Amino acid sequence: MRRVRKLPGRSWIVGVLVVAVAAVGFGLYWFQPWKLWQDETVQEALPEAAETFVPPAAASSGASSPTQSGPQTLASGELISHEHATSGTVRLVRLADGSHVVRLENLDTSNGPDLRVWLTDAPVKEGTAGWRVFDDGKYVSLGKLKGNKGSQNYVVPEDVDLSGYSSVSIWCDRFDVSFGAAELAAV
């Protein structure tokens, strides 16, 4: 009796192709490699000085007219590179109305999936030792990174006690790694 060797059927080949296409699609979604070649430049001005309101009763009693008060830098630092080459300056700024923003100036980093700006209590460490320390302690996400280049502002929520935070990280939430970070030093 002669044995006939059976070749894989079309359904098996189609199944392998479907799995391969799904794996490639998931890999593209997860890693988003095209972002390495796409730069997003954002140029925001620091919020302007606000006019302080002087009640009419105070004005009639000889108090001065409305005054201008501007933003005040409380702390700043230089970004260092971690997972990706990163440079620029970070400033913690109190605005005239008492609110706070973290300002990134002259930011230059790689684009990537799910990048965030984090205010943290972690120390900034050079090299690979600093890549993953920022989610070990206390942090506040100030939102998605608006652009990987330029100058931009991130509002600090009113209920955040700034005395508990000492650094800012450009954090990739998808891969739990810092692209770059800055230690904040009082000005």
Protein backbone atom coordinates (compact mmCIF):
# COMPACT_ATOMS: atom_id res chain seq x y z
CA MET A 1 0.00 0.00 0.00
CA ARG A 2 1.28 3.31 -0.97
CA ARG A 3 1.18 6.21 1.50
CA VAL A 4 0.11 9.57 0.24
CA ARG A 5 1.70 12.52 1.93
CA LYS A 6 -0.83 15.23 2.65
CA LEU A 7 0.20 18.84 2.07
CA PRO A 8 -1.05 21.49 4.42
CA GLY A 9 -4.46 22.68 3.43
CA ARG A 10 -5.40 26.15 2.45
CA SER A 11 -7.20 26.72 5.73
CA TRP A 12 -3.95 26.16 7.65
CA ILE A 13 -2.07 28.63 5.44
CA VAL A 14 -4.86 31.21 5.75
CA GLY A 15 -4.81 30.77 9.54
CA VAL A 16 -1.04 31.42 9.69
CA LEU A 17 -1.42 34.50 7.49
CA VAL A 18 -4.23 35.89 9.66
CA VAL A 19 -2.13 35.43 12.82
CA ALA A 20 0.90 37.04 11.13
CA VAL A 21 -1.12 40.06 9.95
CA ALA A 22 -2.66 40.46 13.43
CA ALA A 23 0.80 40.29 15.06
CA VAL A 24 2.20 42.93 12.68
CA GLY A 25 -0.84 45.17 13.28
CA PHE A 26 -0.50 44.86 17.05
CA GLY A 27 3.26 45.55 16.85
CA LEU A 28 2.68 48.68 14.78
CA TYR A 29 0.00 49.91 17.20
CA TRP A 30 2.09 49.18 20.29
CA PHE A 31 5.46 50.57 19.15
CA GLN A 32 4.27 53.24 16.69
CA PRO A 33 7.67 53.33 14.94
CA TRP A 34 6.62 56.09 12.51
CA LYS A 35 6.69 58.56 15.41
CA LEU A 36 10.49 58.35 15.40
CA TRP A 37 10.38 60.30 12.11
CA GLN A 38 7.52 62.65 13.01
CA ASP A 39 8.26 65.78 14.99
CA GLU A 40 5.53 67.83 16.64
CA THR A 41 6.64 71.40 17.42
CA VAL A 42 4.57 73.42 19.88
CA GLN A 43 5.40 77.04 20.70
CA GLU A 44 3.26 78.37 23.55
CA ALA A 45 3.88 81.69 25.25
CA LEU A 46 4.10 81.83 29.00
CA PRO A 47 0.68 83.00 30.24
CA GLU A 48 0.67 86.79 30.37
CA ALA A 49 0.68 88.93 33.48
CA ALA A 50 -2.78 89.28 34.95
CA GLU A 51 -4.29 92.55 36.05
CA THR A 52 -5.02 92.51 39.77
CA PHE A 53 -8.51 93.76 40.62
CA VAL A 54 -8.72 96.61 43.13
CA PRO A 55 -12.23 96.98 44.57
CA PRO A 56 -13.89 100.39 44.00
CA ALA A 57 -13.89 101.10 47.76
CA ALA A 58 -10.12 100.65 47.90
CA ALA A 59 -9.65 102.78 44.82
CA SER A 60 -11.72 105.65 46.30
CA SER A 61 -9.74 105.48 49.56
CA GLY A 62 -6.59 106.46 47.73
CA ALA A 63 -5.26 102.98 46.98
CA SER A 64 -3.27 102.67 43.82
CA SER A 65 -4.86 101.71 40.54
CA PRO A 66 -4.81 98.11 39.29
CA THR A 67 -1.29 96.74 39.30
CA GLN A 68 0.49 94.36 37.00
CA SER A 69 2.08 91.29 38.49
CA GLY A 70 3.84 88.76 36.34
CA PRO A 71 4.81 85.13 36.46
CA GLN A 72 7.48 84.17 38.96
CA THR A 73 9.89 81.25 38.47
CA LEU A 74 10.04 79.21 41.69
CA ALA A 75 12.37 76.43 40.50
CA SER A 76 14.14 75.33 37.33
CA GLY A 77 16.41 72.67 35.91
CA GLU A 78 18.04 71.36 32.75
CA LEU A 79 16.69 68.22 31.09
CA ILE A 80 19.08 65.27 30.82
CA SER A 81 18.74 62.32 28.46
CA HIS A 82 17.48 58.93 29.51
CA GLU A 83 15.95 56.48 27.00
CA HIS A 84 16.15 59.08 24.21
CA ALA A 85 18.32 62.15 23.64
CA THR A 86 16.51 64.99 25.43
CA SER A 87 17.42 68.61 26.09
CA GLY A 88 15.77 71.83 27.22
CA THR A 89 14.87 73.71 30.37
CA VAL A 90 12.07 73.06 32.86
CA ARG A 91 10.63 75.86 35.00
CA LEU A 92 8.05 75.72 37.77
CA VAL A 93 6.21 79.04 37.47
CA ARG A 94 3.67 80.73 39.76
CA LEU A 95 1.29 82.89 37.74
CA ALA A 96 -0.16 86.17 38.92
CA ASP A 97 -3.44 84.49 39.89
CA GLY A 98 -1.59 82.08 42.22
CA SER A 99 -1.88 79.03 39.94
CA HIS A 100 1.20 77.10 38.84
CA VAL A 101 2.48 75.74 35.54
CA VAL A 102 5.39 73.55 34.58
CA ARG A 103 6.99 75.15 31.54
CA LEU A 104 9.19 73.23 29.13
CA GLU A 105 11.42 75.58 27.13
CA ASN A 106 13.40 74.69 24.01
CA LEU A 107 12.43 71.04 24.44
CA ASP A 108 14.05 68.65 22.00
CA THR A 109 13.36 64.93 22.39
CA SER A 110 12.19 61.99 20.33
CA ASN A 111 8.54 61.49 19.64
CA GLY A 112 7.00 58.30 20.99
CA PRO A 113 3.82 56.56 22.01
CA ASP A 114 1.92 57.80 25.07
CA LEU A 115 4.39 60.46 26.28
CA ARG A 116 3.41 62.34 29.45
CA VAL A 117 4.80 65.17 31.56
CA TRP A 118 5.19 64.06 35.18
CA LEU A 119 5.95 66.10 38.27
CA THR A 120 7.67 63.62 40.64
CA ASP A 121 9.47 63.18 43.94
CA ALA A 122 12.18 60.95 42.41
CA PRO A 123 15.82 61.98 42.20
CA VAL A 124 17.16 62.47 38.69
CA LYS A 125 19.86 59.91 37.93
CA GLU A 126 22.22 59.90 34.94
CA GLY A 127 22.17 57.09 32.38
CA THR A 128 20.13 53.91 32.47
CA ALA A 129 19.91 54.04 36.28
CA GLY A 130 17.44 56.91 35.86
CA TRP A 131 15.20 55.37 33.22
CA ARG A 132 12.61 53.75 35.48
CA VAL A 133 12.72 55.53 38.88
CA PHE A 134 9.94 58.05 38.37
CA ASP A 135 6.99 55.71 38.94
CA ASP A 136 8.52 54.27 42.14
CA GLY A 137 7.28 57.07 44.37
CA LYS A 138 4.89 59.98 44.20
CA TYR A 139 4.07 61.60 40.85
CA VAL A 140 1.41 63.72 39.21
CA SER A 141 0.70 63.41 35.50
CA LEU A 142 0.27 66.89 34.03
CA GLY A 143 -1.04 65.49 30.77
CA LYS A 144 0.12 64.25 27.41
CA LEU A 145 3.23 65.81 25.94
CA LYS A 146 1.91 68.42 23.50
CA GLY A 147 4.93 68.21 21.22
CA ASN A 148 8.40 66.74 21.27
CA LYS A 149 9.94 70.10 20.31
CA GLY A 150 9.34 73.67 21.39
CA SER A 151 8.13 75.52 24.48
CA GLN A 152 4.92 74.58 26.25
CA ASN A 153 2.98 74.94 29.51
CA TYR A 154 1.37 72.29 31.72
CA VAL A 155 -1.07 73.33 34.45
CA VAL A 156 -0.37 71.97 37.92
CA PRO A 157 -3.63 70.96 39.65
CA GLU A 158 -4.55 73.30 42.53
CA ASP A 159 -4.60 70.52 45.13
CA VAL A 160 -0.95 69.52 44.53
CA ASP A 161 1.43 70.38 47.39
CA LEU A 162 4.51 71.44 45.42
CA SER A 163 6.84 70.95 48.39
CA GLY A 164 6.61 67.17 47.84
CA TYR A 165 7.93 67.22 44.26
CA SER A 166 11.50 67.74 43.11
CA SER A 167 11.74 66.72 39.45
CA VAL A 168 9.98 66.59 36.09
CA SER A 169 10.11 63.64 33.69
CA ILE A 170 9.09 63.20 30.06
CA TRP A 171 7.57 59.76 30.72
CA CYS A 172 6.60 57.08 28.21
CA ASP A 173 3.58 55.51 29.91
CA ARG A 174 3.38 52.68 27.38
CA PHE A 175 6.87 51.33 28.19
CA ASP A 176 7.31 52.75 31.72
CA VAL A 177 10.51 54.60 30.90
CA SER A 178 11.76 58.19 31.12
CA PHE A 179 12.82 59.83 27.87
CA GLY A 180 14.48 62.63 29.88
CA ALA A 181 14.18 64.41 33.21
CA ALA A 182 15.19 67.54 35.14
CA GLU A 183 15.91 68.07 38.82
CA LEU A 184 14.13 71.22 40.03
CA ALA A 185 16.29 73.62 42.05
CA ALA A 186 14.78 76.63 43.84
CA VAL A 187 15.56 79.95 42.19
